[in-house]
Amino acid sequence: MNEIPERIEREMFEIRSRMAPDVRDLKKHVEPQAVTKKLTSKIKDRVRNAGKSLVESVRRQASMVGEAGRKKSPTPLTDAVKSDPRPLVLLAISLFITLMMARKISNGRDD
């Protein structure tokens, strides 16, 4: 009977000593600096991948514009825009901003 508590304490000591490095490692991963660094790198990777994807889409649609011009048929271009409308949306937003800025500049010259 006296042996059971000693064995339990010995086992608990062994378990704690095995867990100590894991707990220290966990603390390192949960520190605000480590979390910020991981989050920043993930955001940069996602933005970079999104940019690459958008550039590929723009290139594909630009080639479709050329193909549509050569074939004198808008079908390739409409298919490309239907499959990925991001470049067309960005173009529309860019044109809108450009027109708004031109309007603001021209209204400023009239005064």
C-alpha atoms as a PDB file:
ATOM      1  CA  MET A   1       0.000   0.000   0.000  1.00  0.00           C
ATOM      2  CA  ASN A   2       2.855   2.348   0.848  1.00  0.00           C
ATOM      3  CA  GLU A   3       4.440   1.609  -2.527  1.00  0.00           C
ATOM      4  CA  ILE A   4       1.525   2.888  -4.666  1.00  0.00           C
ATOM      5  CA  PRO A   5       1.819   6.642  -3.792  1.00  0.00           C
ATOM      6  CA  GLU A   6       5.585   6.533  -4.392  1.00  0.00           C
ATOM      7  CA  ARG A   7       5.077   4.877  -7.778  1.00  0.00           C
ATOM      8  CA  ILE A   8       2.420   7.429  -8.725  1.00  0.00           C
ATOM      9  CA  GLU A   9       4.701  10.306  -7.704  1.00  0.00           C
ATOM     10  CA  ARG A  10       7.570   8.807  -9.711  1.00  0.00           C
ATOM     11  CA  GLU A  11       5.356   8.429 -12.783  1.00  0.00           C
ATOM     12  CA  MET A  12       4.082  11.999 -12.414  1.00  0.00           C
ATOM     13  CA  PHE A  13       7.672  13.263 -12.141  1.00  0.00           C
ATOM     14  CA  GLU A  14       8.595  11.386 -15.330  1.00  0.00           C
ATOM     15  CA  ILE A  15       5.571  12.738 -17.179  1.00  0.00           C
ATOM     16  CA  ARG A  16       6.315  16.313 -16.067  1.00  0.00           C
ATOM     17  CA  SER A  17       9.949  16.052 -17.097  1.00  0.00           C
ATOM     18  CA  ARG A  18       8.939  14.781 -20.550  1.00  0.00           C
ATOM     19  CA  MET A  19       6.361  17.564 -20.932  1.00  0.00           C
ATOM     20  CA  ALA A  20       8.651  20.440 -19.908  1.00  0.00           C
ATOM     21  CA  PRO A  21      10.334  20.849 -23.329  1.00  0.00           C
ATOM     22  CA  ASP A  22       6.942  20.676 -25.046  1.00  0.00           C
ATOM     23  CA  VAL A  23       5.510  23.385 -22.810  1.00  0.00           C
ATOM     24  CA  ARG A  24       8.538  25.648 -23.399  1.00  0.00           C
ATOM     25  CA  ASP A  25       8.218  25.039 -27.141  1.00  0.00           C
ATOM     26  CA  LEU A  26       4.505  25.823 -26.982  1.00  0.00           C
ATOM     27  CA  LYS A  27       5.260  29.083 -25.181  1.00  0.00           C
ATOM     28  CA  LYS A  28       7.625  30.079 -27.981  1.00  0.00           C
ATOM     29  CA  HIS A  29       4.927  29.465 -30.596  1.00  0.00           C
ATOM     30  CA  VAL A  30       2.297  31.443 -28.705  1.00  0.00           C
ATOM     31  CA  GLU A  31       4.388  34.546 -28.015  1.00  0.00           C
ATOM     32  CA  PRO A  32       2.937  37.653 -29.690  1.00  0.00           C
ATOM     33  CA  GLN A  33       6.098  38.250 -31.727  1.00  0.00           C
ATOM     34  CA  ALA A  34       6.029  34.706 -33.106  1.00  0.00           C
ATOM     35  CA  VAL A  35       2.318  34.893 -33.904  1.00  0.00           C
ATOM     36  CA  THR A  36       2.779  38.277 -35.599  1.00  0.00           C
ATOM     37  CA  LYS A  37       5.697  36.984 -37.654  1.00  0.00           C
ATOM     38  CA  LYS A  38       3.772  33.887 -38.813  1.00  0.00           C
ATOM     39  CA  LEU A  39       0.661  35.902 -39.594  1.00  0.00           C
ATOM     40  CA  THR A  40       2.639  38.499 -41.540  1.00  0.00           C
ATOM     41  CA  SER A  41       4.382  35.863 -43.624  1.00  0.00           C
ATOM     42  CA  LYS A  42       1.076  34.073 -44.355  1.00  0.00           C
ATOM     43  CA  ILE A  43      -0.559  37.332 -45.434  1.00  0.00           C
ATOM     44  CA  LYS A  44       2.406  38.187 -47.676  1.00  0.00           C
ATOM     45  CA  ASP A  45       2.287  34.723 -49.254  1.00  0.00           C
ATOM     46  CA  ARG A  46      -1.434  34.956 -49.909  1.00  0.00           C
ATOM     47  CA  VAL A  47      -1.156  38.442 -51.405  1.00  0.00           C
ATOM     48  CA  ARG A  48       1.753  37.313 -53.576  1.00  0.00           C
ATOM     49  CA  ASN A  49      -0.176  34.237 -54.761  1.00  0.00           C
ATOM     50  CA  ALA A  50      -3.289  36.320 -55.426  1.00  0.00           C
ATOM     51  CA  GLY A  51      -1.205  38.783 -57.431  1.00  0.00           C
ATOM     52  CA  LYS A  52       0.348  35.994 -59.486  1.00  0.00           C
ATOM     53  CA  SER A  53      -3.080  34.508 -60.112  1.00  0.00           C
ATOM     54  CA  LEU A  54      -4.458  37.883 -61.195  1.00  0.00           C
ATOM     55  CA  VAL A  55      -1.513  38.507 -63.524  1.00  0.00           C
ATOM     56  CA  GLU A  56      -2.017  35.091 -65.134  1.00  0.00           C
ATOM     57  CA  SER A  57      -5.709  35.838 -65.564  1.00  0.00           C
ATOM     58  CA  VAL A  58      -4.980  39.238 -67.129  1.00  0.00           C
ATOM     59  CA  ARG A  59      -2.496  37.655 -69.538  1.00  0.00           C
ATOM     60  CA  ARG A  60      -4.992  34.983 -70.528  1.00  0.00           C
ATOM     61  CA  GLN A  61      -7.723  37.537 -71.124  1.00  0.00           C
ATOM     62  CA  ALA A  62      -5.359  39.779 -73.082  1.00  0.00           C
ATOM     63  CA  SER A  63      -4.512  36.852 -75.340  1.00  0.00           C
ATOM     64  CA  MET A  64      -8.241  36.177 -75.691  1.00  0.00           C
ATOM     65  CA  VAL A  65      -8.754  39.786 -76.796  1.00  0.00           C
ATOM     66  CA  GLY A  66      -6.174  39.227 -79.517  1.00  0.00           C
ATOM     67  CA  GLU A  67      -7.785  35.944 -80.505  1.00  0.00           C
ATOM     68  CA  ALA A  68     -11.227  37.562 -80.577  1.00  0.00           C
ATOM     69  CA  GLY A  69      -9.830  40.290 -82.845  1.00  0.00           C
ATOM     70  CA  ARG A  70      -8.225  37.801 -85.213  1.00  0.00           C
ATOM     71  CA  LYS A  71     -11.321  35.615 -85.408  1.00  0.00           C
ATOM     72  CA  LYS A  72     -13.644  38.619 -85.435  1.00  0.00           C
ATOM     73  CA  SER A  73     -15.712  36.813 -82.829  1.00  0.00           C
ATOM     74  CA  PRO A  74     -16.214  37.885 -79.194  1.00  0.00           C
ATOM     75  CA  THR A  75     -16.828  34.309 -78.002  1.00  0.00           C
ATOM     76  CA  PRO A  76     -13.293  33.597 -76.674  1.00  0.00           C
ATOM     77  CA  LEU A  77     -13.273  36.863 -74.747  1.00  0.00           C
ATOM     78  CA  THR A  78     -16.733  36.384 -73.249  1.00  0.00           C
ATOM     79  CA  ASP A  79     -15.799  32.845 -72.201  1.00  0.00           C
ATOM     80  CA  ALA A  80     -12.631  34.129 -70.522  1.00  0.00           C
ATOM     81  CA  VAL A  81     -14.524  36.888 -68.697  1.00  0.00           C
ATOM     82  CA  LYS A  82     -17.206  34.448 -67.552  1.00  0.00           C
ATOM     83  CA  SER A  83     -14.602  32.078 -66.171  1.00  0.00           C
ATOM     84  CA  ASP A  84     -12.711  34.832 -64.281  1.00  0.00           C
ATOM     85  CA  PRO A  85     -14.217  38.350 -64.152  1.00  0.00           C
ATOM     86  CA  ARG A  86     -11.501  39.870 -61.880  1.00  0.00           C
ATOM     87  CA  PRO A  87      -9.481  41.593 -64.640  1.00  0.00           C
ATOM     88  CA  LEU A  88     -12.585  43.152 -66.152  1.00  0.00           C
ATOM     89  CA  VAL A  89     -13.750  44.347 -62.729  1.00  0.00           C
ATOM     90  CA  LEU A  90     -10.333  45.888 -62.030  1.00  0.00           C
ATOM     91  CA  LEU A  91     -10.374  47.562 -65.431  1.00  0.00           C
ATOM     92  CA  ALA A  92     -13.828  48.993 -64.759  1.00  0.00           C
ATOM     93  CA  ILE A  93     -12.763  50.287 -61.332  1.00  0.00           C
ATOM     94  CA  SER A  94      -9.595  51.820 -62.796  1.00  0.00           C
ATOM     95  CA  LEU A  95     -11.556  53.551 -65.551  1.00  0.00           C
ATOM     96  CA  PHE A  96     -14.100  54.852 -63.039  1.00  0.00           C
ATOM     97  CA  ILE A  97     -11.380  56.277 -60.786  1.00  0.00           C
ATOM     98  CA  THR A  98      -9.596  57.814 -63.773  1.00  0.00           C
ATOM     99  CA  LEU A  99     -12.800  59.456 -65.012  1.00  0.00           C
ATOM    100  CA  MET A 100     -13.622  60.770 -61.528  1.00  0.00           C
ATOM    101  CA  MET A 101     -10.128  62.235 -61.154  1.00  0.00           C
ATOM    102  CA  ALA A 102     -10.289  63.794 -64.652  1.00  0.00           C
ATOM    103  CA  ARG A 103     -13.685  65.298 -63.795  1.00  0.00           C
ATOM    104  CA  LYS A 104     -12.354  66.677 -60.531  1.00  0.00           C
ATOM    105  CA  ILE A 105      -9.314  68.174 -62.277  1.00  0.00           C
ATOM    106  CA  SER A 106     -11.386  69.710 -65.072  1.00  0.00           C
ATOM    107  CA  ASN A 107     -13.870  71.193 -62.582  1.00  0.00           C
ATOM    108  CA  GLY A 108     -10.961  72.729 -60.703  1.00  0.00           C
ATOM    109  CA  ARG A 109      -9.664  74.473 -63.846  1.00  0.00           C
ATOM    110  CA  ASP A 110     -13.013  76.120 -64.580  1.00  0.00           C
ATOM    111  CA  ASP A 111     -12.841  78.193 -61.388  1.00  0.00           C
END
